[in-house]
């Protein structure tokens, strides 16, 4: 879960609870910040969700626009099932990549 930090930021000079050269119009406002790594992870998850939506939308469009020939409904149904299974497998592998723990620096403190 992304943790938000509330800080004060000057709307004039941009100072965030730290000395900055002031241009004389300082007025503090509360702002909420998140860690860049958490923001990046959220963007990555959003991209995955968009890929999933696109894949499912394509499958539903094919299903909605397919009219099997007389007596061929089962063949069409099985083909759509196979496509759905392939899409689910691809999306599952994408999700597994996101759920892997991030590499660490081995406790050395190096970035």
PDB file of N, CA and C in Angstrom:
ATOM      1  N   UNK A   1       0.841  -1.173   0.000  1.00  0.00           N
ATOM      2  CA  UNK A   1       0.000   0.000   0.000  1.00  0.00           C
ATOM      3  C   UNK A   1       0.886   1.237   0.000  1.00  0.00           C
ATOM      4  N   UNK A   2       0.531   2.202  -0.793  1.00  0.00           N
ATOM      5  CA  UNK A   2       1.299   3.426  -0.873  1.00  0.00           C
ATOM      6  C   UNK A   2       1.000   4.300   0.337  1.00  0.00           C
ATOM      7  N   UNK A   3       2.050   4.729   0.977  1.00  0.00           N
ATOM      8  CA  UNK A   3       1.917   5.575   2.161  1.00  0.00           C
ATOM      9  C   UNK A   3       2.121   7.022   1.755  1.00  0.00           C
ATOM     10  N   UNK A   4       1.200   7.889   2.165  1.00  0.00           N
ATOM     11  CA  UNK A   4       1.312   9.313   1.868  1.00  0.00           C
ATOM     12  C   UNK A   4       1.930  10.037   3.048  1.00  0.00           C
ATOM     13  N   UNK A   5       2.725  11.045   2.735  1.00  0.00           N
ATOM     14  CA  UNK A   5       3.336  11.874   3.754  1.00  0.00           C
ATOM     15  C   UNK A   5       2.827  13.291   3.525  1.00  0.00           C
ATOM     16  N   UNK A   6       2.244  13.896   4.553  1.00  0.00           N
ATOM     17  CA  UNK A   6       1.767  15.278   4.437  1.00  0.00           C
ATOM     18  C   UNK A   6       2.859  16.209   4.914  1.00  0.00           C
ATOM     19  N   UNK A   7       3.206  17.181   4.085  1.00  0.00           N
ATOM     20  CA  UNK A   7       4.241  18.154   4.416  1.00  0.00           C
ATOM     21  C   UNK A   7       3.722  19.546   4.058  1.00  0.00           C
ATOM     22  N   UNK A   8       4.461  20.532   4.452  1.00  0.00           N
ATOM     23  CA  UNK A   8       4.129  21.902   4.081  1.00  0.00           C
ATOM     24  C   UNK A   8       5.026  22.331   2.939  1.00  0.00           C
ATOM     25  N   UNK A   9       4.421  22.932   1.901  1.00  0.00           N
ATOM     26  CA  UNK A   9       5.189  23.420   0.762  1.00  0.00           C
ATOM     27  C   UNK A   9       4.804  24.872   0.514  1.00  0.00           C
ATOM     28  N   UNK A  10       5.806  25.696   0.276  1.00  0.00           N
ATOM     29  CA  UNK A  10       5.560  27.105  -0.030  1.00  0.00           C
ATOM     30  C   UNK A  10       5.059  27.226  -1.462  1.00  0.00           C
ATOM     31  N   UNK A  11       3.962  27.946  -1.651  1.00  0.00           N
ATOM     32  CA  UNK A  11       3.428  28.114  -3.008  1.00  0.00           C
ATOM     33  C   UNK A  11       4.222  29.132  -3.803  1.00  0.00           C
ATOM     34  N   UNK A  12       5.086  29.889  -3.135  1.00  0.00           N
ATOM     35  CA  UNK A  12       5.896  30.892  -3.826  1.00  0.00           C
ATOM     36  C   UNK A  12       7.219  30.346  -4.305  1.00  0.00           C
ATOM     37  N   UNK A  13       8.044  29.878  -3.350  1.00  0.00           N
ATOM     38  CA  UNK A  13       9.399  29.454  -3.704  1.00  0.00           C
ATOM     39  C   UNK A  13       9.533  27.947  -3.871  1.00  0.00           C
ATOM     40  N   UNK A  14       8.508  27.163  -3.450  1.00  0.00           N
ATOM     41  CA  UNK A  14       8.561  25.727  -3.608  1.00  0.00           C
ATOM     42  C   UNK A  14       9.223  24.987  -2.465  1.00  0.00           C
ATOM     43  N   UNK A  15       9.694  25.719  -1.446  1.00  0.00           N
ATOM     44  CA  UNK A  15      10.363  25.095  -0.309  1.00  0.00           C
ATOM     45  C   UNK A  15       9.453  24.046   0.323  1.00  0.00           C
ATOM     46  N   UNK A  16      10.039  22.896   0.624  1.00  0.00           N
ATOM     47  CA  UNK A  16       9.317  21.835   1.329  1.00  0.00           C
ATOM     48  C   UNK A  16      10.051  21.607   2.633  1.00  0.00           C
ATOM     49  N   UNK A  17       9.618  22.274   3.693  1.00  0.00           N
ATOM     50  CA  UNK A  17      10.202  22.139   5.027  1.00  0.00           C
ATOM     51  C   UNK A  17      11.730  22.117   4.991  1.00  0.00           C
ATOM     52  N   UNK A  18      12.307  22.920   4.118  1.00  0.00           N
ATOM     53  CA  UNK A  18      13.758  23.018   4.017  1.00  0.00           C
ATOM     54  C   UNK A  18      14.087  24.414   3.502  1.00  0.00           C
ATOM     55  N   UNK A  19      15.234  24.949   3.869  1.00  0.00           N
ATOM     56  CA  UNK A  19      15.585  26.301   3.413  1.00  0.00           C
ATOM     57  C   UNK A  19      15.715  26.369   1.889  1.00  0.00           C
ATOM     58  N   UNK A  20      15.093  27.350   1.323  1.00  0.00           N
ATOM     59  CA  UNK A  20      15.174  27.617  -0.114  1.00  0.00           C
ATOM     60  C   UNK A  20      15.252  29.131  -0.293  1.00  0.00           C
ATOM     61  N   UNK A  21      15.839  29.591  -1.373  1.00  0.00           N
ATOM     62  CA  UNK A  21      15.814  31.037  -1.612  1.00  0.00           C
ATOM     63  C   UNK A  21      14.361  31.490  -1.798  1.00  0.00           C
ATOM     64  N   UNK A  22      13.947  32.448  -1.034  1.00  0.00           N
ATOM     65  CA  UNK A  22      12.553  32.905  -1.077  1.00  0.00           C
ATOM     66  C   UNK A  22      12.445  34.107  -2.006  1.00  0.00           C
ATOM     67  N   UNK A  23      11.368  34.150  -2.764  1.00  0.00           N
ATOM     68  CA  UNK A  23      11.146  35.290  -3.656  1.00  0.00           C
ATOM     69  C   UNK A  23      10.192  36.302  -3.028  1.00  0.00           C
ATOM     70  N   UNK A  24       9.874  36.120  -1.742  1.00  0.00           N
ATOM     71  CA  UNK A  24       9.105  37.104  -1.002  1.00  0.00           C
ATOM     72  C   UNK A  24       7.602  36.899  -0.990  1.00  0.00           C
ATOM     73  N   UNK A  25       7.114  35.814  -1.538  1.00  0.00           N
ATOM     74  CA  UNK A  25       5.669  35.573  -1.556  1.00  0.00           C
ATOM     75  C   UNK A  25       5.321  34.268  -0.852  1.00  0.00           C
ATOM     76  N   UNK A  26       6.122  33.896   0.129  1.00  0.00           N
ATOM     77  CA  UNK A  26       5.924  32.604   0.781  1.00  0.00           C
ATOM     78  C   UNK A  26       4.568  32.507   1.455  1.00  0.00           C
ATOM     79  N   UNK A  27       3.932  31.395   1.221  1.00  0.00           N
ATOM     80  CA  UNK A  27       2.690  31.029   1.901  1.00  0.00           C
ATOM     81  C   UNK A  27       2.624  29.511   1.851  1.00  0.00           C
ATOM     82  N   UNK A  28       2.642  28.886   3.031  1.00  0.00           N
ATOM     83  CA  UNK A  28       2.691  27.430   3.096  1.00  0.00           C
ATOM     84  C   UNK A  28       1.314  26.817   2.898  1.00  0.00           C
ATOM     85  N   UNK A  29       1.296  25.703   2.190  1.00  0.00           N
ATOM     86  CA  UNK A  29       0.103  24.900   1.980  1.00  0.00           C
ATOM     87  C   UNK A  29       0.478  23.453   2.254  1.00  0.00           C
ATOM     88  N   UNK A  30      -0.491  22.667   2.731  1.00  0.00           N
ATOM     89  CA  UNK A  30      -0.243  21.244   2.917  1.00  0.00           C
ATOM     90  C   UNK A  30      -0.240  20.561   1.556  1.00  0.00           C
ATOM     91  N   UNK A  31       0.710  19.659   1.356  1.00  0.00           N
ATOM     92  CA  UNK A  31       0.760  18.826   0.164  1.00  0.00           C
ATOM     93  C   UNK A  31       0.998  17.393   0.600  1.00  0.00           C
ATOM     94  N   UNK A  32       0.587  16.444  -0.213  1.00  0.00           N
ATOM     95  CA  UNK A  32       0.810  15.035   0.079  1.00  0.00           C
ATOM     96  C   UNK A  32       1.815  14.489  -0.915  1.00  0.00           C
ATOM     97  N   UNK A  33       2.783  13.755  -0.404  1.00  0.00           N
ATOM     98  CA  UNK A  33       3.841  13.183  -1.224  1.00  0.00           C
ATOM     99  C   UNK A  33       3.852  11.670  -1.053  1.00  0.00           C
ATOM    100  N   UNK A  34       4.334  10.971  -2.063  1.00  0.00           N
ATOM    101  CA  UNK A  34       4.570   9.528  -1.972  1.00  0.00           C
ATOM    102  C   UNK A  34       5.988   9.272  -2.456  1.00  0.00           C
ATOM    103  N   UNK A  35       6.539   8.144  -2.033  1.00  0.00           N
ATOM    104  CA  UNK A  35       7.871   7.774  -2.504  1.00  0.00           C
ATOM    105  C   UNK A  35       7.832   7.492  -4.004  1.00  0.00           C
ATOM    106  N   UNK A  36       8.877   7.890  -4.697  1.00  0.00           N
ATOM    107  CA  UNK A  36       8.950   7.693  -6.140  1.00  0.00           C
ATOM    108  C   UNK A  36       8.860   6.217  -6.511  1.00  0.00           C
ATOM    109  N   UNK A  37       9.472   5.337  -5.720  1.00  0.00           N
ATOM    110  CA  UNK A  37       9.417   3.904  -6.034  1.00  0.00           C
ATOM    111  C   UNK A  37       7.986   3.379  -5.936  1.00  0.00           C
ATOM    112  N   UNK A  38       7.222   3.880  -4.955  1.00  0.00           N
ATOM    113  CA  UNK A  38       5.834   3.457  -4.831  1.00  0.00           C
ATOM    114  C   UNK A  38       4.990   4.002  -5.979  1.00  0.00           C
ATOM    115  N   UNK A  39       5.284   5.225  -6.396  1.00  0.00           N
ATOM    116  CA  UNK A  39       4.585   5.811  -7.542  1.00  0.00           C
ATOM    117  C   UNK A  39       4.890   5.015  -8.812  1.00  0.00           C
ATOM    118  N   UNK A  40       6.167   4.668  -9.000  1.00  0.00           N
ATOM    119  CA  UNK A  40       6.557   3.877 -10.170  1.00  0.00           C
ATOM    120  C   UNK A  40       5.858   2.521 -10.176  1.00  0.00           C
ATOM    121  N   UNK A  41       5.766   1.888  -8.999  1.00  0.00           N
ATOM    122  CA  UNK A  41       5.085   0.597  -8.913  1.00  0.00           C
ATOM    123  C   UNK A  41       3.605   0.740  -9.269  1.00  0.00           C
ATOM    124  N   UNK A  42       2.990   1.808  -8.798  1.00  0.00           N
ATOM    125  CA  UNK A  42       1.576   2.044  -9.120  1.00  0.00           C
ATOM    126  C   UNK A  42       1.394   2.233 -10.625  1.00  0.00           C
ATOM    127  N   UNK A  43       2.305   2.955 -11.262  1.00  0.00           N
ATOM    128  CA  UNK A  43       2.227   3.143 -12.715  1.00  0.00           C
ATOM    129  C   UNK A  43       2.405   1.822 -13.458  1.00  0.00           C
ATOM    130  N   UNK A  44       3.312   0.979 -12.965  1.00  0.00           N
ATOM    131  CA  UNK A  44       3.528  -0.330 -13.579  1.00  0.00           C
ATOM    132  C   UNK A  44       2.274  -1.186 -13.463  1.00  0.00           C
ATOM    133  N   UNK A  45       1.662  -1.172 -12.277  1.00  0.00           N
ATOM    134  CA  UNK A  45       0.422  -1.940 -12.078  1.00  0.00           C
ATOM    135  C   UNK A  45      -0.716  -1.390 -12.932  1.00  0.00           C
ATOM    136  N   UNK A  46      -0.757  -0.085 -13.106  1.00  0.00           N
ATOM    137  CA  UNK A  46      -1.767   0.524 -13.971  1.00  0.00           C
ATOM    138  C   UNK A  46      -1.567   0.073 -15.416  1.00  0.00           C
ATOM    139  N   UNK A  47      -0.332   0.032 -15.867  1.00  0.00           N
ATOM    140  CA  UNK A  47      -0.049  -0.432 -17.230  1.00  0.00           C
ATOM    141  C   UNK A  47      -0.491  -1.885 -17.404  1.00  0.00           C
ATOM    142  N   UNK A  48      -0.240  -2.726 -16.390  1.00  0.00           N
ATOM    143  CA  UNK A  48      -0.688  -4.118 -16.449  1.00  0.00           C
ATOM    144  C   UNK A  48      -2.214  -4.184 -16.512  1.00  0.00           C
ATOM    145  N   UNK A  49      -2.879  -3.405 -15.686  1.00  0.00           N
ATOM    146  CA  UNK A  49      -4.346  -3.406 -15.686  1.00  0.00           C
ATOM    147  C   UNK A  49      -4.886  -2.972 -17.045  1.00  0.00           C
ATOM    148  N   UNK A  50      -4.229  -2.008 -17.677  1.00  0.00           N
ATOM    149  CA  UNK A  50      -4.665  -1.568 -19.011  1.00  0.00           C
ATOM    150  C   UNK A  50      -4.456  -2.663 -20.049  1.00  0.00           C
ATOM    151  N   UNK A  51      -3.325  -3.384 -19.949  1.00  0.00           N
ATOM    152  CA  UNK A  51      -3.099  -4.505 -20.872  1.00  0.00           C
ATOM    153  C   UNK A  51      -4.153  -5.584 -20.670  1.00  0.00           C
ATOM    154  N   UNK A  52      -4.492  -5.862 -19.399  1.00  0.00           N
ATOM    155  CA  UNK A  52      -5.523  -6.862 -19.108  1.00  0.00           C
ATOM    156  C   UNK A  52      -6.867  -6.433 -19.683  1.00  0.00           C
ATOM    157  N   UNK A  53      -7.220  -5.189 -19.469  1.00  0.00           N
ATOM    158  CA  UNK A  53      -8.483  -4.677 -19.987  1.00  0.00           C
ATOM    159  C   UNK A  53      -8.523  -4.779 -21.504  1.00  0.00           C
ATOM    160  N   UNK A  54      -7.431  -4.418 -22.150  1.00  0.00           N
ATOM    161  CA  UNK A  54      -7.370  -4.476 -23.616  1.00  0.00           C
ATOM    162  C   UNK A  54      -7.531  -5.916 -24.111  1.00  0.00           C
ATOM    163  N   UNK A  55      -6.860  -6.859 -23.435  1.00  0.00           N
ATOM    164  CA  UNK A  55      -6.956  -8.270 -23.829  1.00  0.00           C
ATOM    165  C   UNK A  55      -8.376  -8.790 -23.637  1.00  0.00           C
ATOM    166  N   UNK A  56      -8.986  -8.475 -22.513  1.00  0.00           N
ATOM    167  CA  UNK A  56     -10.346  -8.943 -22.252  1.00  0.00           C
ATOM    168  C   UNK A  56     -11.348  -8.275 -23.187  1.00  0.00           C
ATOM    169  N   UNK A  57     -11.131  -7.004 -23.472  1.00  0.00           N
ATOM    170  CA  UNK A  57     -12.026  -6.306 -24.387  1.00  0.00           C
ATOM    171  C   UNK A  57     -11.953  -6.929 -25.784  1.00  0.00           C
ATOM    172  N   UNK A  58     -10.749  -7.258 -26.224  1.00  0.00           N
ATOM    173  CA  UNK A  58     -10.601  -7.887 -27.542  1.00  0.00           C
ATOM    174  C   UNK A  58     -11.325  -9.232 -27.585  1.00  0.00           C
ATOM    175  N   UNK A  59     -11.197 -10.011 -26.512  1.00  0.00           N
ATOM    176  CA  UNK A  59     -11.858 -11.307 -26.464  1.00  0.00           C
ATOM    177  C   UNK A  59     -13.383 -11.153 -26.466  1.00  0.00           C
ATOM    178  N   UNK A  60     -13.885 -10.203 -25.695  1.00  0.00           N
ATOM    179  CA  UNK A  60     -15.333  -9.983 -25.646  1.00  0.00           C
ATOM    180  C   UNK A  60     -15.842  -9.486 -26.990  1.00  0.00           C
ATOM    181  N   UNK A  61     -15.075  -8.624 -27.663  1.00  0.00           N
ATOM    182  CA  UNK A  61     -15.481  -8.155 -28.997  1.00  0.00           C
ATOM    183  C   UNK A  61     -15.561  -9.322 -29.983  1.00  0.00           C
ATOM    184  N   UNK A  62     -14.558 -10.207 -29.939  1.00  0.00           N
ATOM    185  CA  UNK A  62     -14.599 -11.385 -30.833  1.00  0.00           C
ATOM    186  C   UNK A  62     -15.818 -12.240 -30.524  1.00  0.00           C
ATOM    187  N   UNK A  63     -16.083 -12.448 -29.247  1.00  0.00           N
ATOM    188  CA  UNK A  63     -17.224 -13.259 -28.845  1.00  0.00           C
ATOM    189  C   UNK A  63     -18.536 -12.624 -29.310  1.00  0.00           C
ATOM    190  N   UNK A  64     -18.648 -11.313 -29.120  1.00  0.00           N
ATOM    191  CA  UNK A  64     -19.880 -10.608 -29.473  1.00  0.00           C
ATOM    192  C   UNK A  64     -20.096 -10.543 -30.983  1.00  0.00           C
ATOM    193  N   UNK A  65     -19.025 -10.518 -31.757  1.00  0.00           N
ATOM    194  CA  UNK A  65     -19.176 -10.348 -33.204  1.00  0.00           C
ATOM    195  C   UNK A  65     -19.093 -11.657 -33.983  1.00  0.00           C
ATOM    196  N   UNK A  66     -18.928 -12.775 -33.285  1.00  0.00           N
ATOM    197  CA  UNK A  66     -18.817 -14.067 -33.962  1.00  0.00           C
ATOM    198  C   UNK A  66     -20.185 -14.728 -34.063  1.00  0.00           C
ATOM    199  N   UNK A  67     -20.505 -15.120 -35.269  1.00  0.00           N
ATOM    200  CA  UNK A  67     -21.732 -15.889 -35.492  1.00  0.00           C
ATOM    201  C   UNK A  67     -21.317 -17.208 -36.129  1.00  0.00           C
ATOM    202  N   UNK A  68     -21.403 -18.292 -35.359  1.00  0.00           N
ATOM    203  CA  UNK A  68     -20.975 -19.580 -35.912  1.00  0.00           C
ATOM    204  C   UNK A  68     -21.904 -20.035 -37.038  1.00  0.00           C
ATOM    205  N   UNK A  69     -21.343 -20.803 -37.935  1.00  0.00           N
ATOM    206  CA  UNK A  69     -22.163 -21.415 -38.989  1.00  0.00           C
ATOM    207  C   UNK A  69     -23.082 -22.446 -38.355  1.00  0.00           C
ATOM    208  N   UNK A  70     -24.091 -22.783 -39.072  1.00  0.00           N
ATOM    209  CA  UNK A  70     -25.061 -23.777 -38.604  1.00  0.00           C
ATOM    210  C   UNK A  70     -24.324 -25.053 -38.189  1.00  0.00           C
ATOM    211  N   UNK A  71     -24.556 -25.479 -36.946  1.00  0.00           N
ATOM    212  CA  UNK A  71     -23.955 -26.708 -36.439  1.00  0.00           C
ATOM    213  C   UNK A  71     -22.504 -26.573 -36.011  1.00  0.00           C
ATOM    214  N   UNK A  72     -21.939 -25.387 -36.076  1.00  0.00           N
ATOM    215  CA  UNK A  72     -20.517 -25.173 -35.748  1.00  0.00           C
ATOM    216  C   UNK A  72     -20.329 -24.378 -34.456  1.00  0.00           C
ATOM    217  N   UNK A  73     -21.384 -24.215 -33.651  1.00  0.00           N
ATOM    218  CA  UNK A  73     -21.267 -23.409 -32.445  1.00  0.00           C
ATOM    219  C   UNK A  73     -20.214 -23.962 -31.489  1.00  0.00           C
ATOM    220  N   UNK A  74     -20.115 -25.290 -31.386  1.00  0.00           N
ATOM    221  CA  UNK A  74     -19.163 -25.869 -30.439  1.00  0.00           C
ATOM    222  C   UNK A  74     -17.725 -25.593 -30.869  1.00  0.00           C
ATOM    223  N   UNK A  75     -17.461 -25.688 -32.165  1.00  0.00           N
ATOM    224  CA  UNK A  75     -16.126 -25.402 -32.688  1.00  0.00           C
ATOM    225  C   UNK A  75     -15.743 -23.942 -32.378  1.00  0.00           C
ATOM    226  N   UNK A  76     -16.678 -23.003 -32.604  1.00  0.00           N
ATOM    227  CA  UNK A  76     -16.426 -21.588 -32.316  1.00  0.00           C
ATOM    228  C   UNK A  76     -16.208 -21.378 -30.821  1.00  0.00           C
ATOM    229  N   UNK A  77     -17.028 -22.022 -30.024  1.00  0.00           N
ATOM    230  CA  UNK A  77     -16.920 -21.899 -28.574  1.00  0.00           C
ATOM    231  C   UNK A  77     -15.553 -22.387 -28.103  1.00  0.00           C
ATOM    232  N   UNK A  78     -15.110 -23.524 -28.607  1.00  0.00           N
ATOM    233  CA  UNK A  78     -13.808 -24.081 -28.208  1.00  0.00           C
ATOM    234  C   UNK A  78     -12.661 -23.169 -28.650  1.00  0.00           C
ATOM    235  N   UNK A  79     -12.783 -22.593 -29.828  1.00  0.00           N
ATOM    236  CA  UNK A  79     -11.742 -21.674 -30.317  1.00  0.00           C
ATOM    237  C   UNK A  79     -11.655 -20.448 -29.410  1.00  0.00           C
ATOM    238  N   UNK A  80     -12.804 -19.899 -29.011  1.00  0.00           N
ATOM    239  CA  UNK A  80     -12.803 -18.758 -28.099  1.00  0.00           C
ATOM    240  C   UNK A  80     -12.242 -19.140 -26.727  1.00  0.00           C
ATOM    241  N   UNK A  81     -12.540 -20.352 -26.268  1.00  0.00           N
ATOM    242  CA  UNK A  81     -11.977 -20.832 -25.010  1.00  0.00           C
ATOM    243  C   UNK A  81     -10.456 -20.880 -25.087  1.00  0.00           C
ATOM    244  N   UNK A  82      -9.930 -21.409 -26.180  1.00  0.00           N
ATOM    245  CA  UNK A  82      -8.472 -21.489 -26.350  1.00  0.00           C
ATOM    246  C   UNK A  82      -7.847 -20.088 -26.343  1.00  0.00           C
ATOM    247  N   UNK A  83      -8.477 -19.149 -27.033  1.00  0.00           N
ATOM    248  CA  UNK A  83      -7.969 -17.775 -27.055  1.00  0.00           C
ATOM    249  C   UNK A  83      -7.984 -17.175 -25.640  1.00  0.00           C
ATOM    250  N   UNK A  84      -9.052 -17.426 -24.903  1.00  0.00           N
ATOM    251  CA  UNK A  84      -9.163 -16.909 -23.541  1.00  0.00           C
ATOM    252  C   UNK A  84      -8.083 -17.519 -22.649  1.00  0.00           C
ATOM    253  N   UNK A  85      -7.833 -18.805 -22.797  1.00  0.00           N
ATOM    254  CA  UNK A  85      -6.794 -19.460 -21.981  1.00  0.00           C
ATOM    255  C   UNK A  85      -5.411 -18.880 -22.276  1.00  0.00           C
ATOM    256  N   UNK A  86      -5.125 -18.645 -23.554  1.00  0.00           N
ATOM    257  CA  UNK A  86      -3.835 -18.061 -23.926  1.00  0.00           C
ATOM    258  C   UNK A  86      -3.699 -16.647 -23.347  1.00  0.00           C
ATOM    259  N   UNK A  87      -4.774 -15.873 -23.426  1.00  0.00           N
ATOM    260  CA  UNK A  87      -4.747 -14.504 -22.880  1.00  0.00           C
ATOM    261  C   UNK A  87      -4.536 -14.539 -21.367  1.00  0.00           C
ATOM    262  N   UNK A  88      -5.244 -15.429 -20.685  1.00  0.00           N
ATOM    263  CA  UNK A  88      -5.094 -15.538 -19.232  1.00  0.00           C
ATOM    264  C   UNK A  88      -3.691 -15.971 -18.845  1.00  0.00           C
ATOM    265  N   UNK A  89      -3.108 -16.892 -19.582  1.00  0.00           N
ATOM    266  CA  UNK A  89      -1.746 -17.354 -19.287  1.00  0.00           C
ATOM    267  C   UNK A  89      -0.742 -16.218 -19.466  1.00  0.00           C
ATOM    268  N   UNK A  90      -0.896 -15.448 -20.532  1.00  0.00           N
ATOM    269  CA  UNK A  90       0.016 -14.325 -20.771  1.00  0.00           C
ATOM    270  C   UNK A  90      -0.123 -13.278 -19.676  1.00  0.00           C
ATOM    271  N   UNK A  91      -1.346 -12.978 -19.290  1.00  0.00           N
ATOM    272  CA  UNK A  91      -1.564 -11.978 -18.247  1.00  0.00           C
ATOM    273  C   UNK A  91      -1.077 -12.471 -16.892  1.00  0.00           C
ATOM    274  N   UNK A  92      -1.206 -13.762 -16.635  1.00  0.00           N
ATOM    275  CA  UNK A  92      -0.729 -14.325 -15.365  1.00  0.00           C
ATOM    276  C   UNK A  92       0.791 -14.208 -15.266  1.00  0.00           C
ATOM    277  N   UNK A  93       1.488 -14.424 -16.372  1.00  0.00           N
ATOM    278  CA  UNK A  93       2.950 -14.302 -16.330  1.00  0.00           C
ATOM    279  C   UNK A  93       3.359 -12.851 -16.110  1.00  0.00           C
ATOM    280  N   UNK A  94       2.613 -11.893 -16.673  1.00  0.00           N
ATOM    281  CA  UNK A  94       2.881 -10.479 -16.419  1.00  0.00           C
ATOM    282  C   UNK A  94       2.689 -10.164 -14.935  1.00  0.00           C
ATOM    283  N   UNK A  95       1.621 -10.676 -14.354  1.00  0.00           N
ATOM    284  CA  UNK A  95       1.314 -10.406 -12.949  1.00  0.00           C
ATOM    285  C   UNK A  95       2.370 -11.019 -12.039  1.00  0.00           C
ATOM    286  N   UNK A  96       2.900 -12.190 -12.400  1.00  0.00           N
ATOM    287  CA  UNK A  96       3.927 -12.825 -11.578  1.00  0.00           C
ATOM    288  C   UNK A  96       5.184 -11.978 -11.531  1.00  0.00           C
ATOM    289  N   UNK A  97       5.514 -11.326 -12.626  1.00  0.00           N
ATOM    290  CA  UNK A  97       6.693 -10.463 -12.654  1.00  0.00           C
ATOM    291  C   UNK A  97       6.514  -9.326 -11.649  1.00  0.00           C
ATOM    292  N   UNK A  98       5.304  -8.773 -11.566  1.00  0.00           N
ATOM    293  CA  UNK A  98       5.050  -7.682 -10.624  1.00  0.00           C
ATOM    294  C   UNK A  98       5.116  -8.141  -9.180  1.00  0.00           C
ATOM    295  N   UNK A  99       4.731  -9.377  -8.927  1.00  0.00           N
ATOM    296  CA  UNK A  99       4.660  -9.870  -7.554  1.00  0.00           C
ATOM    297  C   UNK A  99       5.987 -10.396  -7.027  1.00  0.00           C
ATOM    298  N   UNK A 100       7.007 -10.444  -7.875  1.00  0.00           N
ATOM    299  CA  UNK A 100       8.330 -10.869  -7.404  1.00  0.00           C
ATOM    300  C   UNK A 100       8.915  -9.784  -6.507  1.00  0.00           C
ATOM    301  N   UNK A 101       9.640 -10.195  -5.460  1.00  0.00           N
ATOM    302  CA  UNK A 101      10.284  -9.190  -4.607  1.00  0.00           C
ATOM    303  C   UNK A 101      11.333  -8.414  -5.395  1.00  0.00           C
ATOM    304  N   UNK A 102      11.470  -7.144  -5.072  1.00  0.00           N
ATOM    305  CA  UNK A 102      12.454  -6.305  -5.741  1.00  0.00           C
ATOM    306  C   UNK A 102      13.852  -6.753  -5.353  1.00  0.00           C
ATOM    307  N   UNK A 103      14.821  -6.664  -6.272  1.00  0.00           N
ATOM    308  CA  UNK A 103      16.192  -7.035  -5.924  1.00  0.00           C
ATOM    309  C   UNK A 103      16.713  -6.109  -4.839  1.00  0.00           C
ATOM    310  N   UNK A 104      17.519  -6.675  -3.958  1.00  0.00           N
ATOM    311  CA  UNK A 104      18.105  -5.873  -2.881  1.00  0.00           C
ATOM    312  C   UNK A 104      19.586  -5.681  -3.156  1.00  0.00           C
ATOM    313  N   UNK A 105      20.189  -4.814  -2.377  1.00  0.00           N
ATOM    314  CA  UNK A 105      21.622  -4.545  -2.560  1.00  0.00           C
ATOM    315  C   UNK A 105      22.496  -5.437  -1.697  1.00  0.00           C
ATOM    316  N   UNK A 106      21.887  -6.464  -1.079  1.00  0.00           N
ATOM    317  CA  UNK A 106      22.652  -7.402  -0.262  1.00  0.00           C
ATOM    318  C   UNK A 106      23.092  -6.826   1.069  1.00  0.00           C
ATOM    319  N   UNK A 107      22.432  -5.708   1.487  1.00  0.00           N
ATOM    320  CA  UNK A 107      22.755  -5.111   2.789  1.00  0.00           C
ATOM    321  C   UNK A 107      23.983  -4.229   2.766  1.00  0.00           C
ATOM    322  N   UNK A 108      24.518  -3.918   1.577  1.00  0.00           N
ATOM    323  CA  UNK A 108      25.736  -3.101   1.499  1.00  0.00           C
ATOM    324  C   UNK A 108      25.426  -1.623   1.574  1.00  0.00           C
ATOM    325  N   UNK A 109      24.141  -1.272   1.328  1.00  0.00           N
ATOM    326  CA  UNK A 109      23.788   0.145   1.328  1.00  0.00           C
ATOM    327  C   UNK A 109      24.022   0.788  -0.026  1.00  0.00           C
ATOM    328  N   UNK A 110      24.573   0.027  -0.975  1.00  0.00           N
ATOM    329  CA  UNK A 110      24.818   0.579  -2.310  1.00  0.00           C
ATOM    330  C   UNK A 110      23.514   0.639  -3.076  1.00  0.00           C
ATOM    331  N   UNK A 111      23.418   1.627  -3.951  1.00  0.00           N
ATOM    332  CA  UNK A 111      22.194   1.785  -4.737  1.00  0.00           C
ATOM    333  C   UNK A 111      22.204   0.914  -5.951  1.00  0.00           C
TER     334      UNK A 111
END
